[in-house]
Amino acid sequence: AVLREATQEIELSILRKKFNAAGIRFMPLKGILLKSHY
């Protein structure tokens, strides 16, 4: 679970940079936001 969360966070970070560079609107949903409240 720790490895999965770390990998997901790294991949999301890369995706954020690519979407921002391309000017594509995006909105993370559900667990990716909720986990910060655990």
ModelCIF file with pLDDT and N, C-alpha, C, O atoms, coordinates in Angstrom:
data_MODEL
#
_entry.id   MODEL 
#
_entity.id                         1 
_entity.type                       polymer 
_entity.pdbx_number_of_molecules   1 
#
_entity_poly.entity_id                      1 
_entity_poly.type                           'polypeptide(L)' 
_entity_poly.nstd_linkage                   no 
_entity_poly.nstd_monomer                   no 
_entity_poly.pdbx_seq_one_letter_code       AVLREATQEIELSILRKKFNAAGIRFMPLKGILLKSHY 
_entity_poly.pdbx_seq_one_letter_code_can   AVLREATQEIELSILRKKFNAAGIRFMPLKGILLKSHY 
_entity_poly.pdbx_strand_id                 A 
#
loop_
_entity_poly_seq.entity_id 
_entity_poly_seq.num 
_entity_poly_seq.mon_id 
_entity_poly_seq.hetero 
1 1  ALA n 
1 2  VAL n 
1 3  LEU n 
1 4  ARG n 
1 5  GLU n 
1 6  ALA n 
1 7  THR n 
1 8  GLN n 
1 9  GLU n 
1 10 ILE n 
1 11 GLU n 
1 12 LEU n 
1 13 SER n 
1 14 ILE n 
1 15 LEU n 
1 16 ARG n 
1 17 LYS n 
1 18 LYS n 
1 19 PHE n 
1 20 ASN n 
1 21 ALA n 
1 22 ALA n 
1 23 GLY n 
1 24 ILE n 
1 25 ARG n 
1 26 PHE n 
1 27 MET n 
1 28 PRO n 
1 29 LEU n 
1 30 LYS n 
1 31 GLY n 
1 32 ILE n 
1 33 LEU n 
1 34 LEU n 
1 35 LYS n 
1 36 SER n 
1 37 HIS n 
1 38 TYR n 
#
_struct_asym.id          A 
_struct_asym.entity_id   1 
#
loop_
_ma_qa_metric.id 
_ma_qa_metric.mode 
_ma_qa_metric.name 
_ma_qa_metric.software_group_id 
_ma_qa_metric.type 
1 global pLDDT . pLDDT 
2 local  pLDDT . pLDDT 
#
_ma_qa_metric_global.metric_id      1 
_ma_qa_metric_global.metric_value   94.68 
_ma_qa_metric_global.model_id       1 
_ma_qa_metric_global.ordinal_id     1 
#
loop_
_ma_qa_metric_local.label_asym_id 
_ma_qa_metric_local.label_comp_id 
_ma_qa_metric_local.label_seq_id 
_ma_qa_metric_local.metric_id 
_ma_qa_metric_local.metric_value 
_ma_qa_metric_local.model_id 
_ma_qa_metric_local.ordinal_id 
A ALA 1  2 94.00 1 1  
A VAL 2  2 95.00 1 2  
A LEU 3  2 95.00 1 3  
A ARG 4  2 93.00 1 4  
A GLU 5  2 94.00 1 5  
A ALA 6  2 94.00 1 6  
A THR 7  2 95.00 1 7  
A GLN 8  2 94.00 1 8  
A GLU 9  2 94.00 1 9  
A ILE 10 2 95.00 1 10 
A GLU 11 2 95.00 1 11 
A LEU 12 2 95.00 1 12 
A SER 13 2 95.00 1 13 
A ILE 14 2 96.00 1 14 
A LEU 15 2 96.00 1 15 
A ARG 16 2 96.00 1 16 
A LYS 17 2 97.00 1 17 
A LYS 18 2 97.00 1 18 
A PHE 19 2 97.00 1 19 
A ASN 20 2 97.00 1 20 
A ALA 21 2 97.00 1 21 
A ALA 22 2 97.00 1 22 
A GLY 23 2 97.00 1 23 
A ILE 24 2 97.00 1 24 
A ARG 25 2 97.00 1 25 
A PHE 26 2 97.00 1 26 
A MET 27 2 96.00 1 27 
A PRO 28 2 95.00 1 28 
A LEU 29 2 94.00 1 29 
A LYS 30 2 89.00 1 30 
A GLY 31 2 89.00 1 31 
A ILE 32 2 90.00 1 32 
A LEU 33 2 90.00 1 33 
A LEU 34 2 93.00 1 34 
A LYS 35 2 94.00 1 35 
A SER 36 2 93.00 1 36 
A HIS 37 2 94.00 1 37 
A TYR 38 2 95.00 1 38 
#
loop_
_atom_site.group_PDB 
_atom_site.id 
_atom_site.type_symbol 
_atom_site.label_atom_id 
_atom_site.label_alt_id 
_atom_site.label_comp_id 
_atom_site.label_asym_id 
_atom_site.label_entity_id 
_atom_site.label_seq_id 
_atom_site.pdbx_PDB_ins_code 
_atom_site.Cartn_x 
_atom_site.Cartn_y 
_atom_site.Cartn_z 
_atom_site.occupancy 
_atom_site.B_iso_or_equiv 
_atom_site.pdbx_formal_charge 
_atom_site.auth_seq_id 
_atom_site.auth_comp_id 
_atom_site.auth_asym_id 
_atom_site.auth_atom_id 
_atom_site.pdbx_PDB_model_num 
ATOM 1   N N  . ALA A 1 1  ? 0.834   -1.202 0.000   1.00 94.00 ? 1  ALA A N  1 
ATOM 2   C CA . ALA A 1 1  ? 0.000   0.000  0.000   1.00 94.00 ? 1  ALA A CA 1 
ATOM 3   C C  . ALA A 1 1  ? 0.873   1.257  0.000   1.00 94.00 ? 1  ALA A C  1 
ATOM 4   O O  . ALA A 1 1  ? 0.573   2.228  -0.695  1.00 94.00 ? 1  ALA A O  1 
ATOM 5   N N  . VAL A 1 2  ? 1.952   1.231  0.784   1.00 95.00 ? 2  VAL A N  1 
ATOM 6   C CA . VAL A 1 2  ? 2.876   2.364  0.833   1.00 95.00 ? 2  VAL A CA 1 
ATOM 7   C C  . VAL A 1 2  ? 3.535   2.559  -0.525  1.00 95.00 ? 2  VAL A C  1 
ATOM 8   O O  . VAL A 1 2  ? 3.654   3.686  -1.006  1.00 95.00 ? 2  VAL A O  1 
ATOM 9   N N  . LEU A 1 3  ? 3.967   1.456  -1.147  1.00 95.00 ? 3  LEU A N  1 
ATOM 10  C CA . LEU A 1 3  ? 4.598   1.519  -2.465  1.00 95.00 ? 3  LEU A CA 1 
ATOM 11  C C  . LEU A 1 3  ? 3.611   2.019  -3.514  1.00 95.00 ? 3  LEU A C  1 
ATOM 12  O O  . LEU A 1 3  ? 3.963   2.836  -4.364  1.00 95.00 ? 3  LEU A O  1 
ATOM 13  N N  . ARG A 1 4  ? 2.376   1.528  -3.452  1.00 93.00 ? 4  ARG A N  1 
ATOM 14  C CA . ARG A 1 4  ? 1.361   1.942  -4.428  1.00 93.00 ? 4  ARG A CA 1 
ATOM 15  C C  . ARG A 1 4  ? 1.102   3.447  -4.316  1.00 93.00 ? 4  ARG A C  1 
ATOM 16  O O  . ARG A 1 4  ? 1.036   4.152  -5.323  1.00 93.00 ? 4  ARG A O  1 
ATOM 17  N N  . GLU A 1 5  ? 0.956   3.927  -3.083  1.00 94.00 ? 5  GLU A N  1 
ATOM 18  C CA . GLU A 1 5  ? 0.664   5.353  -2.888  1.00 94.00 ? 5  GLU A CA 1 
ATOM 19  C C  . GLU A 1 5  ? 1.818   6.208  -3.404  1.00 94.00 ? 5  GLU A C  1 
ATOM 20  O O  . GLU A 1 5  ? 1.591   7.231  -4.049  1.00 94.00 ? 5  GLU A O  1 
ATOM 21  N N  . ALA A 1 6  ? 3.044   5.800  -3.126  1.00 94.00 ? 6  ALA A N  1 
ATOM 22  C CA . ALA A 1 6  ? 4.210   6.570  -3.571  1.00 94.00 ? 6  ALA A CA 1 
ATOM 23  C C  . ALA A 1 6  ? 4.296   6.581  -5.099  1.00 94.00 ? 6  ALA A C  1 
ATOM 24  O O  . ALA A 1 6  ? 4.569   7.618  -5.704  1.00 94.00 ? 6  ALA A O  1 
ATOM 25  N N  . THR A 1 7  ? 4.062   5.433  -5.711  1.00 95.00 ? 7  THR A N  1 
ATOM 26  C CA . THR A 1 7  ? 4.107   5.338  -7.169  1.00 95.00 ? 7  THR A CA 1 
ATOM 27  C C  . THR A 1 7  ? 3.009   6.179  -7.798  1.00 95.00 ? 7  THR A C  1 
ATOM 28  O O  . THR A 1 7  ? 3.249   6.880  -8.782  1.00 95.00 ? 7  THR A O  1 
ATOM 29  N N  . GLN A 1 8  ? 1.815   6.115  -7.244  1.00 94.00 ? 8  GLN A N  1 
ATOM 30  C CA . GLN A 1 8  ? 0.714   6.915  -7.769  1.00 94.00 ? 8  GLN A CA 1 
ATOM 31  C C  . GLN A 1 8  ? 1.008   8.399  -7.667  1.00 94.00 ? 8  GLN A C  1 
ATOM 32  O O  . GLN A 1 8  ? 0.692   9.163  -8.579  1.00 94.00 ? 8  GLN A O  1 
ATOM 33  N N  . GLU A 1 9  ? 1.611   8.808  -6.564  1.00 94.00 ? 9  GLU A N  1 
ATOM 34  C CA . GLU A 1 9  ? 1.922   10.229 -6.374  1.00 94.00 ? 9  GLU A CA 1 
ATOM 35  C C  . GLU A 1 9  ? 2.973   10.692 -7.380  1.00 94.00 ? 9  GLU A C  1 
ATOM 36  O O  . GLU A 1 9  ? 2.877   11.799 -7.909  1.00 94.00 ? 9  GLU A O  1 
ATOM 37  N N  . ILE A 1 10 ? 3.973   9.856  -7.647  1.00 95.00 ? 10 ILE A N  1 
ATOM 38  C CA . ILE A 1 10 ? 5.010   10.198 -8.633  1.00 95.00 ? 10 ILE A CA 1 
ATOM 39  C C  . ILE A 1 10 ? 4.399   10.318 -10.020 1.00 95.00 ? 10 ILE A C  1 
ATOM 40  O O  . ILE A 1 10 ? 4.667   11.275 -10.747 1.00 95.00 ? 10 ILE A O  1 
ATOM 41  N N  . GLU A 1 11 ? 3.570   9.332  -10.385 1.00 95.00 ? 11 GLU A N  1 
ATOM 42  C CA . GLU A 1 11 ? 2.945   9.347  -11.713 1.00 95.00 ? 11 GLU A CA 1 
ATOM 43  C C  . GLU A 1 11 ? 2.024   10.549 -11.866 1.00 95.00 ? 11 GLU A C  1 
ATOM 44  O O  . GLU A 1 11 ? 1.991   11.169 -12.930 1.00 95.00 ? 11 GLU A O  1 
ATOM 45  N N  . LEU A 1 12 ? 1.280   10.886 -10.825 1.00 95.00 ? 12 LEU A N  1 
ATOM 46  C CA . LEU A 1 12 ? 0.393   12.036 -10.890 1.00 95.00 ? 12 LEU A CA 1 
ATOM 47  C C  . LEU A 1 12 ? 1.200   13.327 -11.036 1.00 95.00 ? 12 LEU A C  1 
ATOM 48  O O  . LEU A 1 12 ? 0.785   14.243 -11.745 1.00 95.00 ? 12 LEU A O  1 
ATOM 49  N N  . SER A 1 13 ? 2.338   13.397 -10.372 1.00 95.00 ? 13 SER A N  1 
ATOM 50  C CA . SER A 1 13 ? 3.192   14.575 -10.483 1.00 95.00 ? 13 SER A CA 1 
ATOM 51  C C  . SER A 1 13 ? 3.671   14.763 -11.921 1.00 95.00 ? 13 SER A C  1 
ATOM 52  O O  . SER A 1 13 ? 3.685   15.881 -12.436 1.00 95.00 ? 13 SER A O  1 
ATOM 53  N N  . ILE A 1 14 ? 4.060   13.672 -12.559 1.00 96.00 ? 14 ILE A N  1 
ATOM 54  C CA . ILE A 1 14 ? 4.495   13.738 -13.965 1.00 96.00 ? 14 ILE A CA 1 
ATOM 55  C C  . ILE A 1 14 ? 3.336   14.156 -14.862 1.00 96.00 ? 14 ILE A C  1 
ATOM 56  O O  . ILE A 1 14 ? 3.492   14.974 -15.769 1.00 96.00 ? 14 ILE A O  1 
ATOM 57  N N  . LEU A 1 15 ? 2.175   13.577 -14.587 1.00 96.00 ? 15 LEU A N  1 
ATOM 58  C CA . LEU A 1 15 ? 0.995   13.879 -15.389 1.00 96.00 ? 15 LEU A CA 1 
ATOM 59  C C  . LEU A 1 15 ? 0.599   15.351 -15.239 1.00 96.00 ? 15 LEU A C  1 
ATOM 60  O O  . LEU A 1 15 ? 0.213   15.998 -16.213 1.00 96.00 ? 15 LEU A O  1 
ATOM 61  N N  . ARG A 1 16 ? 0.696   15.865 -14.032 1.00 96.00 ? 16 ARG A N  1 
ATOM 62  C CA . ARG A 1 16 ? 0.391   17.279 -13.798 1.00 96.00 ? 16 ARG A CA 1 
ATOM 63  C C  . ARG A 1 16 ? 1.261   18.172 -14.693 1.00 96.00 ? 16 ARG A C  1 
ATOM 64  O O  . ARG A 1 16 ? 0.761   19.100 -15.328 1.00 96.00 ? 16 ARG A O  1 
ATOM 65  N N  . LYS A 1 17 ? 2.551   17.884 -14.734 1.00 97.00 ? 17 LYS A N  1 
ATOM 66  C CA . LYS A 1 17 ? 3.477   18.698 -15.529 1.00 97.00 ? 17 LYS A CA 1 
ATOM 67  C C  . LYS A 1 17 ? 3.141   18.620 -17.010 1.00 97.00 ? 17 LYS A C  1 
ATOM 68  O O  . LYS A 1 17 ? 3.177   19.632 -17.710 1.00 97.00 ? 17 LYS A O  1 
ATOM 69  N N  . LYS A 1 18 ? 2.817   17.434 -17.485 1.00 97.00 ? 18 LYS A N  1 
ATOM 70  C CA . LYS A 1 18 ? 2.529   17.264 -18.911 1.00 97.00 ? 18 LYS A CA 1 
ATOM 71  C C  . LYS A 1 18 ? 1.210   17.928 -19.302 1.00 97.00 ? 18 LYS A C  1 
ATOM 72  O O  . LYS A 1 18 ? 1.127   18.573 -20.348 1.00 97.00 ? 18 LYS A O  1 
ATOM 73  N N  . PHE A 1 19 ? 0.188   17.775 -18.475 1.00 97.00 ? 19 PHE A N  1 
ATOM 74  C CA . PHE A 1 19 ? -1.096  18.412 -18.775 1.00 97.00 ? 19 PHE A CA 1 
ATOM 75  C C  . PHE A 1 19 ? -0.964  19.934 -18.720 1.00 97.00 ? 19 PHE A C  1 
ATOM 76  O O  . PHE A 1 19 ? -1.529  20.639 -19.557 1.00 97.00 ? 19 PHE A O  1 
ATOM 77  N N  . ASN A 1 20 ? -0.220  20.440 -17.736 1.00 97.00 ? 20 ASN A N  1 
ATOM 78  C CA . ASN A 1 20 ? -0.017  21.884 -17.642 1.00 97.00 ? 20 ASN A CA 1 
ATOM 79  C C  . ASN A 1 20 ? 0.760   22.409 -18.844 1.00 97.00 ? 20 ASN A C  1 
ATOM 80  O O  . ASN A 1 20 ? 0.427   23.459 -19.391 1.00 97.00 ? 20 ASN A O  1 
ATOM 81  N N  . ALA A 1 21 ? 1.792   21.681 -19.252 1.00 97.00 ? 21 ALA A N  1 
ATOM 82  C CA . ALA A 1 21 ? 2.593   22.098 -20.402 1.00 97.00 ? 21 ALA A CA 1 
ATOM 83  C C  . ALA A 1 21 ? 1.762   22.131 -21.674 1.00 97.00 ? 21 ALA A C  1 
ATOM 84  O O  . ALA A 1 21 ? 1.978   22.976 -22.543 1.00 97.00 ? 21 ALA A O  1 
ATOM 85  N N  . ALA A 1 22 ? 0.808   21.209 -21.782 1.00 97.00 ? 22 ALA A N  1 
ATOM 86  C CA . ALA A 1 22 ? -0.037  21.133 -22.977 1.00 97.00 ? 22 ALA A CA 1 
ATOM 87  C C  . ALA A 1 22 ? -1.268  22.031 -22.882 1.00 97.00 ? 22 ALA A C  1 
ATOM 88  O O  . ALA A 1 22 ? -2.011  22.177 -23.852 1.00 97.00 ? 22 ALA A O  1 
ATOM 89  N N  . GLY A 1 23 ? -1.481  22.633 -21.708 1.00 97.00 ? 23 GLY A N  1 
ATOM 90  C CA . GLY A 1 23 ? -2.641  23.503 -21.533 1.00 97.00 ? 23 GLY A CA 1 
ATOM 91  C C  . GLY A 1 23 ? -3.959  22.753 -21.472 1.00 97.00 ? 23 GLY A C  1 
ATOM 92  O O  . GLY A 1 23 ? -4.980  23.255 -21.941 1.00 97.00 ? 23 GLY A O  1 
ATOM 93  N N  . ILE A 1 24 ? -3.949  21.553 -20.896 1.00 97.00 ? 24 ILE A N  1 
ATOM 94  C CA . ILE A 1 24 ? -5.153  20.719 -20.818 1.00 97.00 ? 24 ILE A CA 1 
ATOM 95  C C  . ILE A 1 24 ? -5.743  20.805 -19.407 1.00 97.00 ? 24 ILE A C  1 
ATOM 96  O O  . ILE A 1 24 ? -5.077  20.469 -18.428 1.00 97.00 ? 24 ILE A O  1 
ATOM 97  N N  . ARG A 1 25 ? -6.985  21.252 -19.313 1.00 97.00 ? 25 ARG A N  1 
ATOM 98  C CA . ARG A 1 25 ? -7.640  21.316 -18.007 1.00 97.00 ? 25 ARG A CA 1 
ATOM 99  C C  . ARG A 1 25 ? -7.845  19.918 -17.438 1.00 97.00 ? 25 ARG A C  1 
ATOM 100 O O  . ARG A 1 25 ? -8.217  18.991 -18.157 1.00 97.00 ? 25 ARG A O  1 
ATOM 101 N N  . PHE A 1 26 ? -7.598  19.780 -16.138 1.00 97.00 ? 26 PHE A N  1 
ATOM 102 C CA . PHE A 1 26 ? -7.819  18.486 -15.485 1.00 97.00 ? 26 PHE A CA 1 
ATOM 103 C C  . PHE A 1 26 ? -8.175  18.709 -14.028 1.00 97.00 ? 26 PHE A C  1 
ATOM 104 O O  . PHE A 1 26 ? -7.852  19.742 -13.442 1.00 97.00 ? 26 PHE A O  1 
ATOM 105 N N  . MET A 1 27 ? -8.853  17.711 -13.450 1.00 96.00 ? 27 MET A N  1 
ATOM 106 C CA . MET A 1 27 ? -9.324  17.817 -12.079 1.00 96.00 ? 27 MET A CA 1 
ATOM 107 C C  . MET A 1 27 ? -9.221  16.455 -11.393 1.00 96.00 ? 27 MET A C  1 
ATOM 108 O O  . MET A 1 27 ? -10.027 15.573 -11.688 1.00 96.00 ? 27 MET A O  1 
ATOM 109 N N  . PRO A 1 28 ? -8.256  16.250 -10.485 1.00 95.00 ? 28 PRO A N  1 
ATOM 110 C CA . PRO A 1 28 ? -8.180  14.994 -9.735  1.00 95.00 ? 28 PRO A CA 1 
ATOM 111 C C  . PRO A 1 28 ? -9.442  14.791 -8.905  1.00 95.00 ? 28 PRO A C  1 
ATOM 112 O O  . PRO A 1 28 ? -10.034 15.747 -8.404  1.00 95.00 ? 28 PRO A O  1 
ATOM 113 N N  . LEU A 1 29 ? -9.842  13.523 -8.770  1.00 94.00 ? 29 LEU A N  1 
ATOM 114 C CA . LEU A 1 29 ? -11.092 13.192 -8.093  1.00 94.00 ? 29 LEU A CA 1 
ATOM 115 C C  . LEU A 1 29 ? -10.859 12.167 -6.985  1.00 94.00 ? 29 LEU A C  1 
ATOM 116 O O  . LEU A 1 29 ? -9.814  11.521 -6.914  1.00 94.00 ? 29 LEU A O  1 
ATOM 117 N N  . LYS A 1 30 ? -11.856 12.043 -6.136  1.00 89.00 ? 30 LYS A N  1 
ATOM 118 C CA . LYS A 1 30 ? -11.999 10.951 -5.161  1.00 89.00 ? 30 LYS A CA 1 
ATOM 119 C C  . LYS A 1 30 ? -10.772 10.764 -4.279  1.00 89.00 ? 30 LYS A C  1 
ATOM 120 O O  . LYS A 1 30 ? -10.316 11.709 -3.636  1.00 89.00 ? 30 LYS A O  1 
ATOM 121 N N  . GLY A 1 31 ? -10.237 9.543  -4.247  1.00 89.00 ? 31 GLY A N  1 
ATOM 122 C CA . GLY A 1 31 ? -9.235  9.168  -3.250  1.00 89.00 ? 31 GLY A CA 1 
ATOM 123 C C  . GLY A 1 31 ? -7.954  9.965  -3.294  1.00 89.00 ? 31 GLY A C  1 
ATOM 124 O O  . GLY A 1 31 ? -7.319  10.159 -2.257  1.00 89.00 ? 31 GLY A O  1 
ATOM 125 N N  . ILE A 1 32 ? -7.552  10.436 -4.469  1.00 90.00 ? 32 ILE A N  1 
ATOM 126 C CA . ILE A 1 32 ? -6.284  11.161 -4.592  1.00 90.00 ? 32 ILE A CA 1 
ATOM 127 C C  . ILE A 1 32 ? -6.309  12.438 -3.773  1.00 90.00 ? 32 ILE A C  1 
ATOM 128 O O  . ILE A 1 32 ? -5.261  12.934 -3.360  1.00 90.00 ? 32 ILE A O  1 
ATOM 129 N N  . LEU A 1 33 ? -7.509  12.977 -3.532  1.00 90.00 ? 33 LEU A N  1 
ATOM 130 C CA . LEU A 1 33 ? -7.659  14.150 -2.683  1.00 90.00 ? 33 LEU A CA 1 
ATOM 131 C C  . LEU A 1 33 ? -7.977  13.759 -1.240  1.00 90.00 ? 33 LEU A C  1 
ATOM 132 O O  . LEU A 1 33 ? -7.484  14.376 -0.295  1.00 90.00 ? 33 LEU A O  1 
ATOM 133 N N  . LEU A 1 34 ? -8.792  12.744 -1.085  1.00 93.00 ? 34 LEU A N  1 
ATOM 134 C CA . LEU A 1 34 ? -9.247  12.349 0.245   1.00 93.00 ? 34 LEU A CA 1 
ATOM 135 C C  . LEU A 1 34 ? -8.117  11.820 1.117   1.00 93.00 ? 34 LEU A C  1 
ATOM 136 O O  . LEU A 1 34 ? -8.169  11.936 2.342   1.00 93.00 ? 34 LEU A O  1 
ATOM 137 N N  . LYS A 1 35 ? -7.089  11.234 0.489   1.00 94.00 ? 35 LYS A N  1 
ATOM 138 C CA . LYS A 1 35 ? -6.021  10.616 1.280   1.00 94.00 ? 35 LYS A CA 1 
ATOM 139 C C  . LYS A 1 35 ? -5.294  11.631 2.168   1.00 94.00 ? 35 LYS A C  1 
ATOM 140 O O  . LYS A 1 35 ? -4.711  11.258 3.186   1.00 94.00 ? 35 LYS A O  1 
ATOM 141 N N  . SER A 1 36 ? -5.328  12.912 1.788   1.00 93.00 ? 36 SER A N  1 
ATOM 142 C CA . SER A 1 36 ? -4.638  13.925 2.599   1.00 93.00 ? 36 SER A CA 1 
ATOM 143 C C  . SER A 1 36 ? -5.336  14.141 3.938   1.00 93.00 ? 36 SER A C  1 
ATOM 144 O O  . SER A 1 36 ? -4.750  14.732 4.845   1.00 93.00 ? 36 SER A O  1 
ATOM 145 N N  . HIS A 1 37 ? -6.566  13.679 4.078   1.00 94.00 ? 37 HIS A N  1 
ATOM 146 C CA . HIS A 1 37 ? -7.306  13.832 5.327   1.00 94.00 ? 37 HIS A CA 1 
ATOM 147 C C  . HIS A 1 37 ? -7.165  12.618 6.248   1.00 94.00 ? 37 HIS A C  1 
ATOM 148 O O  . HIS A 1 37 ? -7.661  12.636 7.374   1.00 94.00 ? 37 HIS A O  1 
ATOM 149 N N  . TYR A 1 38 ? -6.497  11.573 5.781   1.00 95.00 ? 38 TYR A N  1 
ATOM 150 C CA . TYR A 1 38 ? -6.203  10.416 6.629   1.00 95.00 ? 38 TYR A CA 1 
ATOM 151 C C  . TYR A 1 38 ? -4.918  10.695 7.403   1.00 95.00 ? 38 TYR A C  1 
ATOM 152 O O  . TYR A 1 38 ? -4.473  9.855  8.185   1.00 95.00 ? 38 TYR A O  1 
#
